[in-house]
Amino acid sequence: MARLVLPSAGLGVLLFFVPGGLAFQAATIIPRARPAEVPRADLRSDSSLVVIPTYVTTDTGSAVTTLTRENFRLLEDNVERPIVHFDKDDAPVSIGVVFDHSGSMKNKMDKAAEAVSAFFKTANTDDEFFLVEFSDSAKLTVPFTPDSGLLFERISHTKPYGMTSLLDAIQLSLRQMKKARNQRKAIVIISDGGDNWSRHSAREVRNTLIESDVQLYAMGIFDKDYAKKHEAETRNGPALLDELAQQTGGRDFSIDNLNDLPAISAEIGNELRSEYLLGYYSEDARDGKYHKVRVNLTAPAATPRLRTYFRNGYYAPLQ
């Protein structure tokens, strides 16, 4: 059997609600399968099949789910690789909800809780969830559970206070995600501001995220009054999350109207069920280096302009 190609296990997703927003899709490695089987989206030591979950939309944001293998070209380090596996995925997801209950969230808690509820309505019965809450510090308040109601109950009784340790919350969530039982993973963050209180640096979080197989989604609850008082924090937080989302194939959602929050939350949940899985065999399975990945579209004639979201690369293990 071939050796492994990526250092992560299955697709990951992070969902963040923050000003500026974010999101991503993760590169995944899956084992070789018998002809009658569909490869699983995970990393195995007996595997060299790299799988890139890819989401396609129109310019207006509507999901495009009718494309075929022939519509995609996949490149690793600018070298085209034949697509040997093509599928549409609705597999169970391990989901982390990262919820901001800092003081600035005081007037947004009800809509934020409503958004979480809308997201849970898109879940599969085999999904699992955990909850990390953050203000002055980040805490795991609900470990992995199949019961999303436990998370909603906790969030609905949470009181806002303190500062915003967003980066610490992301780092804690990535550590917790190592315990996930599903190959596909996602972390969802709900926040209204940049970081102003974390011990971990942006570089630490960026490196951990790049080395993981996790998608990051961000929904930012933009507050103009708050932004004026905390200009640097508000500017830097969304910019960082936007960068992370793009690297992982996620999406950036900026919320100007709180009433839009539940609908966008549901949109993110549905997006996780509308991805294409593009698989190819890598020729650099054991070099320990970072490999850039690009997905190009060759859409049918008369098709409106399309956008793709996919993980930008992966680290191969050093064997």
C-alpha atoms as a PDB file:
ATOM      1  CA  MET A   1       0.000   0.000   0.000  1.00  0.00           C
ATOM      2  CA  ALA A   2       1.142   3.567  -0.514  1.00  0.00           C
ATOM      3  CA  ARG A   3       2.271   5.610   2.462  1.00  0.00           C
ATOM      4  CA  LEU A   4       0.279   8.496   3.874  1.00  0.00           C
ATOM      5  CA  VAL A   5       0.154  11.864   2.240  1.00  0.00           C
ATOM      6  CA  LEU A   6      -1.357  14.262   4.741  1.00  0.00           C
ATOM      7  CA  PRO A   7      -0.866  14.778   8.444  1.00  0.00           C
ATOM      8  CA  SER A   8      -4.486  15.085   9.336  1.00  0.00           C
ATOM      9  CA  ALA A   9      -7.481  12.904   9.622  1.00  0.00           C
ATOM     10  CA  GLY A  10     -10.601  13.848   7.729  1.00  0.00           C
ATOM     11  CA  LEU A  11     -12.324  17.017   6.806  1.00  0.00           C
ATOM     12  CA  GLY A  12     -12.473  19.733   9.371  1.00  0.00           C
ATOM     13  CA  VAL A  13     -14.691  22.719   9.628  1.00  0.00           C
ATOM     14  CA  LEU A  14     -14.663  25.711  11.889  1.00  0.00           C
ATOM     15  CA  LEU A  15     -17.552  28.012  12.132  1.00  0.00           C
ATOM     16  CA  PHE A  16     -16.911  31.495  13.472  1.00  0.00           C
ATOM     17  CA  PHE A  17     -19.323  34.308  14.040  1.00  0.00           C
ATOM     18  CA  VAL A  18     -17.065  37.359  14.082  1.00  0.00           C
ATOM     19  CA  PRO A  19     -16.925  40.787  12.566  1.00  0.00           C
ATOM     20  CA  GLY A  20     -15.535  40.311   9.128  1.00  0.00           C
ATOM     21  CA  GLY A  21     -16.481  36.688   9.135  1.00  0.00           C
ATOM     22  CA  LEU A  22     -14.589  33.563   7.971  1.00  0.00           C
ATOM     23  CA  ALA A  23     -14.803  30.094   6.737  1.00  0.00           C
ATOM     24  CA  PHE A  24     -12.956  27.094   5.184  1.00  0.00           C
ATOM     25  CA  GLN A  25     -12.760  23.567   3.818  1.00  0.00           C
ATOM     26  CA  ALA A  26     -10.019  21.149   4.649  1.00  0.00           C
ATOM     27  CA  ALA A  27      -7.871  18.880   2.568  1.00  0.00           C
ATOM     28  CA  THR A  28      -8.440  15.255   3.494  1.00  0.00           C
ATOM     29  CA  ILE A  29      -6.693  11.976   2.836  1.00  0.00           C
ATOM     30  CA  ILE A  30      -8.632   8.774   2.435  1.00  0.00           C
ATOM     31  CA  PRO A  31      -7.651   5.107   2.196  1.00  0.00           C
ATOM     32  CA  ARG A  32      -7.601   3.157  -1.060  1.00  0.00           C
ATOM     33  CA  ALA A  33     -10.911   1.408  -1.538  1.00  0.00           C
ATOM     34  CA  ARG A  34     -12.074  -1.653  -3.412  1.00  0.00           C
ATOM     35  CA  PRO A  35     -13.847  -0.746  -6.679  1.00  0.00           C
ATOM     36  CA  ALA A  36     -17.275  -1.219  -5.164  1.00  0.00           C
ATOM     37  CA  GLU A  37     -16.514   1.049  -2.197  1.00  0.00           C
ATOM     38  CA  VAL A  38     -16.523   4.812  -1.775  1.00  0.00           C
ATOM     39  CA  PRO A  39     -13.252   6.023  -0.162  1.00  0.00           C
ATOM     40  CA  ARG A  40     -13.582   7.577   3.257  1.00  0.00           C
ATOM     41  CA  ALA A  41     -12.452  11.138   3.763  1.00  0.00           C
ATOM     42  CA  ASP A  42      -9.732  10.561   6.319  1.00  0.00           C
ATOM     43  CA  LEU A  43      -5.972  10.246   6.647  1.00  0.00           C
ATOM     44  CA  ARG A  44      -4.556   6.742   6.869  1.00  0.00           C
ATOM     45  CA  SER A  45      -0.974   5.468   7.068  1.00  0.00           C
ATOM     46  CA  ASP A  46      -1.716   3.083   4.195  1.00  0.00           C
ATOM     47  CA  SER A  47      -3.036   5.813   1.944  1.00  0.00           C
ATOM     48  CA  SER A  48      -1.763   8.311  -0.605  1.00  0.00           C
ATOM     49  CA  LEU A  49      -5.129   9.535  -1.816  1.00  0.00           C
ATOM     50  CA  VAL A  50      -5.646  13.230  -1.092  1.00  0.00           C
ATOM     51  CA  VAL A  51      -9.257  14.402  -1.006  1.00  0.00           C
ATOM     52  CA  ILE A  52     -10.143  18.088  -1.351  1.00  0.00           C
ATOM     53  CA  PRO A  53     -13.709  18.982  -0.285  1.00  0.00           C
ATOM     54  CA  THR A  54     -14.853  21.778  -2.614  1.00  0.00           C
ATOM     55  CA  TYR A  55     -17.881  24.050  -2.454  1.00  0.00           C
ATOM     56  CA  VAL A  56     -19.125  25.913  -5.549  1.00  0.00           C
ATOM     57  CA  THR A  57     -21.494  28.880  -5.675  1.00  0.00           C
ATOM     58  CA  THR A  58     -22.819  31.417  -8.140  1.00  0.00           C
ATOM     59  CA  ASP A  59     -21.901  35.088  -7.752  1.00  0.00           C
ATOM     60  CA  THR A  60     -25.025  35.519  -5.667  1.00  0.00           C
ATOM     61  CA  GLY A  61     -23.990  32.775  -3.247  1.00  0.00           C
ATOM     62  CA  SER A  62     -26.356  30.008  -4.375  1.00  0.00           C
ATOM     63  CA  ALA A  63     -24.913  26.496  -4.142  1.00  0.00           C
ATOM     64  CA  VAL A  64     -24.106  24.737  -7.426  1.00  0.00           C
ATOM     65  CA  THR A  65     -24.609  20.982  -7.065  1.00  0.00           C
ATOM     66  CA  THR A  66     -24.980  19.774 -10.688  1.00  0.00           C
ATOM     67  CA  LEU A  67     -21.334  19.748 -11.797  1.00  0.00           C
ATOM     68  CA  THR A  68     -19.509  16.587 -12.887  1.00  0.00           C
ATOM     69  CA  ARG A  69     -15.931  15.344 -12.623  1.00  0.00           C
ATOM     70  CA  GLU A  70     -15.189  16.821 -16.070  1.00  0.00           C
ATOM     71  CA  ASN A  71     -15.927  20.329 -14.772  1.00  0.00           C
ATOM     72  CA  PHE A  72     -12.961  20.288 -12.353  1.00  0.00           C
ATOM     73  CA  ARG A  73      -9.171  20.496 -12.724  1.00  0.00           C
ATOM     74  CA  LEU A  74      -7.031  19.834  -9.668  1.00  0.00           C
ATOM     75  CA  LEU A  75      -3.411  21.004  -9.301  1.00  0.00           C
ATOM     76  CA  GLU A  76      -0.812  20.307  -6.629  1.00  0.00           C
ATOM     77  CA  ASP A  77       2.178  22.668  -6.663  1.00  0.00           C
ATOM     78  CA  ASN A  78       1.062  23.867 -10.130  1.00  0.00           C
ATOM     79  CA  VAL A  79       1.121  20.328 -11.549  1.00  0.00           C
ATOM     80  CA  GLU A  80      -2.226  18.970 -12.694  1.00  0.00           C
ATOM     81  CA  ARG A  81      -3.255  15.699 -11.032  1.00  0.00           C
ATOM     82  CA  PRO A  82      -5.864  13.325 -12.479  1.00  0.00           C
ATOM     83  CA  ILE A  83      -9.061  13.257 -10.409  1.00  0.00           C
ATOM     84  CA  VAL A  84      -9.435   9.585  -9.496  1.00  0.00           C
ATOM     85  CA  HIS A  85     -12.287  10.026  -7.022  1.00  0.00           C
ATOM     86  CA  PHE A  86     -15.363  12.236  -7.390  1.00  0.00           C
ATOM     87  CA  ASP A  87     -18.327  12.291  -5.054  1.00  0.00           C
ATOM     88  CA  LYS A  88     -20.833  14.561  -3.336  1.00  0.00           C
ATOM     89  CA  ASP A  89     -20.649  14.356   0.411  1.00  0.00           C
ATOM     90  CA  ASP A  90     -23.265  14.392   3.184  1.00  0.00           C
ATOM     91  CA  ALA A  91     -21.286  12.399   5.731  1.00  0.00           C
ATOM     92  CA  PRO A  92     -21.581  13.006   9.491  1.00  0.00           C
ATOM     93  CA  VAL A  93     -19.579  15.949  10.803  1.00  0.00           C
ATOM     94  CA  SER A  94     -17.884  16.599  14.132  1.00  0.00           C
ATOM     95  CA  ILE A  95     -18.778  20.201  14.923  1.00  0.00           C
ATOM     96  CA  GLY A  96     -17.366  22.582  17.491  1.00  0.00           C
ATOM     97  CA  VAL A  97     -19.377  25.677  18.350  1.00  0.00           C
ATOM     98  CA  VAL A  98     -17.202  28.531  19.639  1.00  0.00           C
ATOM     99  CA  PHE A  99     -19.419  31.106  21.320  1.00  0.00           C
ATOM    100  CA  ASP A 100     -18.444  34.651  22.306  1.00  0.00           C
ATOM    101  CA  HIS A 101     -20.067  35.839  25.536  1.00  0.00           C
ATOM    102  CA  SER A 102     -17.813  38.842  26.154  1.00  0.00           C
ATOM    103  CA  GLY A 103     -19.339  42.113  27.368  1.00  0.00           C
ATOM    104  CA  SER A 104     -19.837  43.530  23.882  1.00  0.00           C
ATOM    105  CA  MET A 105     -22.280  40.706  23.108  1.00  0.00           C
ATOM    106  CA  LYS A 106     -24.794  41.994  25.666  1.00  0.00           C
ATOM    107  CA  ASN A 107     -27.436  43.107  23.140  1.00  0.00           C
ATOM    108  CA  LYS A 108     -26.795  40.267  20.683  1.00  0.00           C
ATOM    109  CA  MET A 109     -27.165  37.135  22.776  1.00  0.00           C
ATOM    110  CA  ASP A 110     -30.735  36.330  21.759  1.00  0.00           C
ATOM    111  CA  LYS A 111     -30.058  36.501  18.015  1.00  0.00           C
ATOM    112  CA  ALA A 112     -26.777  34.633  18.434  1.00  0.00           C
ATOM    113  CA  ALA A 113     -28.583  31.824  20.263  1.00  0.00           C
ATOM    114  CA  GLU A 114     -31.235  31.810  17.539  1.00  0.00           C
ATOM    115  CA  ALA A 115     -28.470  31.445  14.948  1.00  0.00           C
ATOM    116  CA  VAL A 116     -27.059  28.409  16.763  1.00  0.00           C
ATOM    117  CA  SER A 117     -30.529  26.861  16.829  1.00  0.00           C
ATOM    118  CA  ALA A 118     -30.912  27.410  13.065  1.00  0.00           C
ATOM    119  CA  PHE A 119     -27.553  25.764  12.435  1.00  0.00           C
ATOM    120  CA  PHE A 120     -28.482  22.716  14.520  1.00  0.00           C
ATOM    121  CA  LYS A 121     -31.609  22.219  12.404  1.00  0.00           C
ATOM    122  CA  THR A 122     -29.360  21.386   9.423  1.00  0.00           C
ATOM    123  CA  ALA A 123     -27.488  18.675  11.331  1.00  0.00           C
ATOM    124  CA  ASN A 124     -27.468  14.942  10.586  1.00  0.00           C
ATOM    125  CA  THR A 125     -28.450  12.395  13.205  1.00  0.00           C
ATOM    126  CA  ASP A 126     -24.867  11.071  13.310  1.00  0.00           C
ATOM    127  CA  ASP A 127     -23.245  14.474  13.841  1.00  0.00           C
ATOM    128  CA  GLU A 128     -21.549  15.240  17.152  1.00  0.00           C
ATOM    129  CA  PHE A 129     -20.956  18.593  18.833  1.00  0.00           C
ATOM    130  CA  PHE A 130     -18.919  20.370  21.491  1.00  0.00           C
ATOM    131  CA  LEU A 131     -19.136  23.895  22.893  1.00  0.00           C
ATOM    132  CA  VAL A 132     -16.294  26.286  23.728  1.00  0.00           C
ATOM    133  CA  GLU A 133     -17.326  29.595  25.304  1.00  0.00           C
ATOM    134  CA  PHE A 134     -15.011  32.546  25.657  1.00  0.00           C
ATOM    135  CA  SER A 135     -14.765  35.981  27.249  1.00  0.00           C
ATOM    136  CA  ASP A 136     -11.810  36.669  29.588  1.00  0.00           C
ATOM    137  CA  SER A 137     -10.789  33.040  29.023  1.00  0.00           C
ATOM    138  CA  ALA A 138     -11.789  30.131  26.806  1.00  0.00           C
ATOM    139  CA  LYS A 139     -13.501  27.118  28.371  1.00  0.00           C
ATOM    140  CA  LEU A 140     -14.824  23.799  27.088  1.00  0.00           C
ATOM    141  CA  THR A 141     -18.301  23.855  28.636  1.00  0.00           C
ATOM    142  CA  VAL A 142     -19.901  20.925  26.766  1.00  0.00           C
ATOM    143  CA  PRO A 143     -17.660  18.034  25.579  1.00  0.00           C
ATOM    144  CA  PHE A 144     -18.497  16.027  22.456  1.00  0.00           C
ATOM    145  CA  THR A 145     -22.105  14.869  22.479  1.00  0.00           C
ATOM    146  CA  PRO A 146     -24.681  13.807  19.869  1.00  0.00           C
ATOM    147  CA  ASP A 147     -27.265  15.985  21.670  1.00  0.00           C
ATOM    148  CA  SER A 148     -27.143  19.507  20.217  1.00  0.00           C
ATOM    149  CA  GLY A 149     -29.865  20.490  22.687  1.00  0.00           C
ATOM    150  CA  LEU A 150     -27.304  20.458  25.500  1.00  0.00           C
ATOM    151  CA  LEU A 151     -25.284  23.132  23.713  1.00  0.00           C
ATOM    152  CA  PHE A 152     -28.322  25.289  23.013  1.00  0.00           C
ATOM    153  CA  GLU A 153     -29.469  25.011  26.644  1.00  0.00           C
ATOM    154  CA  ARG A 154     -26.064  26.176  27.858  1.00  0.00           C
ATOM    155  CA  ILE A 155     -25.866  29.061  25.372  1.00  0.00           C
ATOM    156  CA  SER A 156     -29.390  30.274  26.123  1.00  0.00           C
ATOM    157  CA  HIS A 157     -28.464  30.735  29.810  1.00  0.00           C
ATOM    158  CA  THR A 158     -25.026  32.282  29.269  1.00  0.00           C
ATOM    159  CA  LYS A 159     -24.474  35.817  30.577  1.00  0.00           C
ATOM    160  CA  PRO A 160     -22.130  38.225  28.715  1.00  0.00           C
ATOM    161  CA  TYR A 161     -19.175  39.805  30.513  1.00  0.00           C
ATOM    162  CA  GLY A 162     -15.470  40.596  30.192  1.00  0.00           C
ATOM    163  CA  MET A 163     -12.949  40.758  27.374  1.00  0.00           C
ATOM    164  CA  THR A 164     -12.515  38.713  24.146  1.00  0.00           C
ATOM    165  CA  SER A 165     -10.019  35.808  24.084  1.00  0.00           C
ATOM    166  CA  LEU A 166     -10.900  34.630  20.578  1.00  0.00           C
ATOM    167  CA  LEU A 167      -7.504  33.182  19.640  1.00  0.00           C
ATOM    168  CA  ASP A 168      -7.391  31.106  22.827  1.00  0.00           C
ATOM    169  CA  ALA A 169     -10.848  29.764  21.973  1.00  0.00           C
ATOM    170  CA  ILE A 170      -9.742  28.709  18.486  1.00  0.00           C
ATOM    171  CA  GLN A 171      -6.655  26.969  19.865  1.00  0.00           C
ATOM    172  CA  LEU A 172      -8.692  25.137  22.510  1.00  0.00           C
ATOM    173  CA  SER A 173     -11.219  24.066  19.880  1.00  0.00           C
ATOM    174  CA  LEU A 174      -8.511  22.635  17.624  1.00  0.00           C
ATOM    175  CA  ARG A 175      -7.181  20.573  20.539  1.00  0.00           C
ATOM    176  CA  GLN A 176     -10.670  19.291  21.324  1.00  0.00           C
ATOM    177  CA  MET A 177     -11.222  18.398  17.669  1.00  0.00           C
ATOM    178  CA  LYS A 178      -8.485  15.762  17.953  1.00  0.00           C
ATOM    179  CA  LYS A 179     -11.046  13.688  19.890  1.00  0.00           C
ATOM    180  CA  ALA A 180     -13.593  13.750  17.038  1.00  0.00           C
ATOM    181  CA  ARG A 181     -14.955  10.404  15.887  1.00  0.00           C
ATOM    182  CA  ASN A 182     -16.089  11.567  12.425  1.00  0.00           C
ATOM    183  CA  GLN A 183     -13.699  11.996   9.522  1.00  0.00           C
ATOM    184  CA  ARG A 184     -15.225  15.367   8.615  1.00  0.00           C
ATOM    185  CA  LYS A 185     -14.814  18.172  11.141  1.00  0.00           C
ATOM    186  CA  ALA A 186     -16.081  21.707  11.547  1.00  0.00           C
ATOM    187  CA  ILE A 187     -15.792  24.431  14.154  1.00  0.00           C
ATOM    188  CA  VAL A 188     -18.386  27.210  14.297  1.00  0.00           C
ATOM    189  CA  ILE A 189     -17.570  30.497  16.009  1.00  0.00           C
ATOM    190  CA  ILE A 190     -20.065  33.177  16.963  1.00  0.00           C
ATOM    191  CA  SER A 191     -18.487  36.527  17.854  1.00  0.00           C
ATOM    192  CA  ASP A 192     -18.777  40.268  17.349  1.00  0.00           C
ATOM    193  CA  GLY A 193     -15.198  41.442  17.756  1.00  0.00           C
ATOM    194  CA  GLY A 194     -11.502  40.852  17.320  1.00  0.00           C
ATOM    195  CA  ASP A 195      -9.216  39.461  19.998  1.00  0.00           C
ATOM    196  CA  ASN A 196      -8.068  41.625  22.928  1.00  0.00           C
ATOM    197  CA  TRP A 197      -7.204  39.173  25.708  1.00  0.00           C
ATOM    198  CA  SER A 198      -5.640  35.918  24.415  1.00  0.00           C
ATOM    199  CA  ARG A 199      -2.388  34.280  25.554  1.00  0.00           C
ATOM    200  CA  HIS A 200      -1.894  32.575  22.188  1.00  0.00           C
ATOM    201  CA  SER A 201      -0.627  34.605  19.263  1.00  0.00           C
ATOM    202  CA  ALA A 202      -2.120  34.820  15.789  1.00  0.00           C
ATOM    203  CA  ARG A 203       0.950  33.016  14.428  1.00  0.00           C
ATOM    204  CA  GLU A 204       0.445  30.079  16.815  1.00  0.00           C
ATOM    205  CA  VAL A 205      -3.182  29.714  15.867  1.00  0.00           C
ATOM    206  CA  ARG A 206      -2.428  30.067  12.159  1.00  0.00           C
ATOM    207  CA  ASN A 207       0.210  27.329  12.272  1.00  0.00           C
ATOM    208  CA  THR A 208      -1.995  24.965  14.259  1.00  0.00           C
ATOM    209  CA  LEU A 209      -4.873  25.488  11.872  1.00  0.00           C
ATOM    210  CA  ILE A 210      -2.781  24.953   8.751  1.00  0.00           C
ATOM    211  CA  GLU A 211      -1.484  21.671  10.174  1.00  0.00           C
ATOM    212  CA  SER A 212      -4.988  20.485  11.035  1.00  0.00           C
ATOM    213  CA  ASP A 213      -7.688  19.253   8.688  1.00  0.00           C
ATOM    214  CA  VAL A 214     -10.419  21.653   9.757  1.00  0.00           C
ATOM    215  CA  GLN A 215     -12.745  24.020   7.931  1.00  0.00           C
ATOM    216  CA  LEU A 216     -13.258  27.473   9.356  1.00  0.00           C
ATOM    217  CA  TYR A 217     -16.455  29.479   8.918  1.00  0.00           C
ATOM    218  CA  ALA A 218     -16.879  32.997  10.265  1.00  0.00           C
ATOM    219  CA  MET A 219     -19.978  35.085  10.808  1.00  0.00           C
ATOM    220  CA  GLY A 220     -19.133  38.529  12.118  1.00  0.00           C
ATOM    221  CA  ILE A 221     -21.768  40.531  13.924  1.00  0.00           C
ATOM    222  CA  PHE A 222     -20.590  43.972  12.868  1.00  0.00           C
ATOM    223  CA  ASP A 223     -21.169  46.782  15.358  1.00  0.00           C
ATOM    224  CA  LYS A 224     -20.282  50.250  14.008  1.00  0.00           C
ATOM    225  CA  ASP A 225     -20.274  51.907  17.431  1.00  0.00           C
ATOM    226  CA  TYR A 226     -18.049  49.190  18.863  1.00  0.00           C
ATOM    227  CA  ALA A 227     -15.753  49.429  15.855  1.00  0.00           C
ATOM    228  CA  LYS A 228     -15.166  53.149  16.401  1.00  0.00           C
ATOM    229  CA  LYS A 229     -14.126  52.574  20.019  1.00  0.00           C
ATOM    230  CA  HIS A 230     -11.943  49.522  19.277  1.00  0.00           C
ATOM    231  CA  GLU A 231     -10.609  50.311  15.813  1.00  0.00           C
ATOM    232  CA  ALA A 232      -7.432  48.175  15.848  1.00  0.00           C
ATOM    233  CA  GLU A 233      -9.128  45.181  17.435  1.00  0.00           C
ATOM    234  CA  THR A 234     -12.083  45.328  15.080  1.00  0.00           C
ATOM    235  CA  ARG A 235      -9.857  45.715  12.018  1.00  0.00           C
ATOM    236  CA  ASN A 236      -7.287  43.019  12.853  1.00  0.00           C
ATOM    237  CA  GLY A 237      -9.673  40.329  14.096  1.00  0.00           C
ATOM    238  CA  PRO A 238     -11.770  40.012  10.935  1.00  0.00           C
ATOM    239  CA  ALA A 239      -8.707  40.282   8.693  1.00  0.00           C
ATOM    240  CA  LEU A 240      -7.037  37.357  10.459  1.00  0.00           C
ATOM    241  CA  LEU A 241     -10.137  35.179  10.369  1.00  0.00           C
ATOM    242  CA  ASP A 242     -10.718  36.022   6.731  1.00  0.00           C
ATOM    243  CA  GLU A 243      -7.186  34.874   5.922  1.00  0.00           C
ATOM    244  CA  LEU A 244      -7.652  31.636   7.865  1.00  0.00           C
ATOM    245  CA  ALA A 245     -10.984  30.946   6.200  1.00  0.00           C
ATOM    246  CA  GLN A 246      -9.529  31.293   2.735  1.00  0.00           C
ATOM    247  CA  GLN A 247      -6.628  28.984   3.548  1.00  0.00           C
ATOM    248  CA  THR A 248      -8.946  26.235   4.706  1.00  0.00           C
ATOM    249  CA  GLY A 249     -11.615  26.610   2.040  1.00  0.00           C
ATOM    250  CA  GLY A 250     -14.085  28.278   4.327  1.00  0.00           C
ATOM    251  CA  ARG A 251     -16.244  31.349   3.946  1.00  0.00           C
ATOM    252  CA  ASP A 252     -16.389  34.867   5.318  1.00  0.00           C
ATOM    253  CA  PHE A 253     -19.779  36.250   6.370  1.00  0.00           C
ATOM    254  CA  SER A 254     -20.145  39.809   7.654  1.00  0.00           C
ATOM    255  CA  ILE A 255     -23.440  40.509   9.412  1.00  0.00           C
ATOM    256  CA  ASP A 256     -24.732  44.086   9.425  1.00  0.00           C
ATOM    257  CA  ASN A 257     -28.244  43.167  10.533  1.00  0.00           C
ATOM    258  CA  LEU A 258     -28.732  40.824  13.479  1.00  0.00           C
ATOM    259  CA  ASN A 259     -31.931  39.546  11.908  1.00  0.00           C
ATOM    260  CA  ASP A 260     -29.842  37.985   9.112  1.00  0.00           C
ATOM    261  CA  LEU A 261     -27.818  35.883  11.528  1.00  0.00           C
ATOM    262  CA  PRO A 262     -30.089  32.800  11.765  1.00  0.00           C
ATOM    263  CA  ALA A 263     -30.510  32.548   7.980  1.00  0.00           C
ATOM    264  CA  ILE A 264     -26.762  32.725   7.345  1.00  0.00           C
ATOM    265  CA  SER A 265     -26.151  30.198  10.085  1.00  0.00           C
ATOM    266  CA  ALA A 266     -28.536  27.798   8.363  1.00  0.00           C
ATOM    267  CA  GLU A 267     -26.811  28.527   5.042  1.00  0.00           C
ATOM    268  CA  ILE A 268     -23.479  27.438   6.487  1.00  0.00           C
ATOM    269  CA  GLY A 269     -25.033  24.239   7.795  1.00  0.00           C
ATOM    270  CA  ASN A 270     -26.505  23.451   4.388  1.00  0.00           C
ATOM    271  CA  GLU A 271     -23.188  24.274   2.715  1.00  0.00           C
ATOM    272  CA  LEU A 272     -21.516  21.512   4.680  1.00  0.00           C
ATOM    273  CA  ARG A 273     -23.966  19.080   3.033  1.00  0.00           C
ATOM    274  CA  SER A 274     -23.338  20.322  -0.519  1.00  0.00           C
ATOM    275  CA  GLU A 275     -19.637  19.749  -1.087  1.00  0.00           C
ATOM    276  CA  TYR A 276     -17.836  17.892  -3.859  1.00  0.00           C
ATOM    277  CA  LEU A 277     -15.042  15.504  -2.867  1.00  0.00           C
ATOM    278  CA  LEU A 278     -12.165  15.613  -5.360  1.00  0.00           C
ATOM    279  CA  GLY A 279      -9.519  12.931  -4.857  1.00  0.00           C
ATOM    280  CA  TYR A 280      -6.076  12.499  -6.404  1.00  0.00           C
ATOM    281  CA  TYR A 281      -2.916  10.525  -5.690  1.00  0.00           C
ATOM    282  CA  SER A 282       0.075  12.580  -4.568  1.00  0.00           C
ATOM    283  CA  GLU A 283       3.613  11.786  -5.658  1.00  0.00           C
ATOM    284  CA  ASP A 284       5.101  13.433  -2.549  1.00  0.00           C
ATOM    285  CA  ALA A 285       3.634  11.264   0.171  1.00  0.00           C
ATOM    286  CA  ARG A 286       6.513  11.433   2.687  1.00  0.00           C
ATOM    287  CA  ASP A 287       8.483  14.633   2.155  1.00  0.00           C
ATOM    288  CA  GLY A 288       7.175  16.557   5.189  1.00  0.00           C
ATOM    289  CA  LYS A 289       6.613  19.692   3.118  1.00  0.00           C
ATOM    290  CA  TYR A 290       3.663  21.997   2.555  1.00  0.00           C
ATOM    291  CA  HIS A 291       1.990  21.452  -0.818  1.00  0.00           C
ATOM    292  CA  LYS A 292      -0.235  24.060  -2.446  1.00  0.00           C
ATOM    293  CA  VAL A 293      -3.530  22.899  -3.925  1.00  0.00           C
ATOM    294  CA  ARG A 294      -5.695  24.685  -6.481  1.00  0.00           C
ATOM    295  CA  VAL A 295      -9.086  23.742  -7.912  1.00  0.00           C
ATOM    296  CA  ASN A 296     -10.065  25.218 -11.296  1.00  0.00           C
ATOM    297  CA  LEU A 297     -13.476  25.037 -12.932  1.00  0.00           C
ATOM    298  CA  THR A 298     -14.316  24.419 -16.570  1.00  0.00           C
ATOM    299  CA  ALA A 299     -18.013  25.130 -16.335  1.00  0.00           C
ATOM    300  CA  PRO A 300     -20.484  24.343 -19.139  1.00  0.00           C
ATOM    301  CA  ALA A 301     -21.243  27.032 -21.728  1.00  0.00           C
ATOM    302  CA  ALA A 302     -23.775  29.683 -20.718  1.00  0.00           C
ATOM    303  CA  THR A 303     -23.086  28.956 -17.031  1.00  0.00           C
ATOM    304  CA  PRO A 304     -23.002  32.094 -14.863  1.00  0.00           C
ATOM    305  CA  ARG A 305     -19.752  33.013 -13.158  1.00  0.00           C
ATOM    306  CA  LEU A 306     -18.944  30.527 -10.398  1.00  0.00           C
ATOM    307  CA  ARG A 307     -16.821  30.681  -7.241  1.00  0.00           C
ATOM    308  CA  THR A 308     -14.988  27.806  -5.574  1.00  0.00           C
ATOM    309  CA  TYR A 309     -13.988  27.331  -1.934  1.00  0.00           C
ATOM    310  CA  PHE A 310     -11.353  24.738  -1.063  1.00  0.00           C
ATOM    311  CA  ARG A 311      -8.372  24.197   1.212  1.00  0.00           C
ATOM    312  CA  ASN A 312      -5.264  25.868  -0.211  1.00  0.00           C
ATOM    313  CA  GLY A 313      -2.830  23.112   0.719  1.00  0.00           C
ATOM    314  CA  TYR A 314      -1.601  20.550   3.241  1.00  0.00           C
ATOM    315  CA  TYR A 315       1.494  19.336   5.061  1.00  0.00           C
ATOM    316  CA  ALA A 316       2.688  15.863   4.058  1.00  0.00           C
ATOM    317  CA  PRO A 317       4.092  13.803   6.970  1.00  0.00           C
ATOM    318  CA  LEU A 318       7.809  13.189   7.118  1.00  0.00           C
ATOM    319  CA  GLN A 319       8.440   9.422   6.925  1.00  0.00           C
END
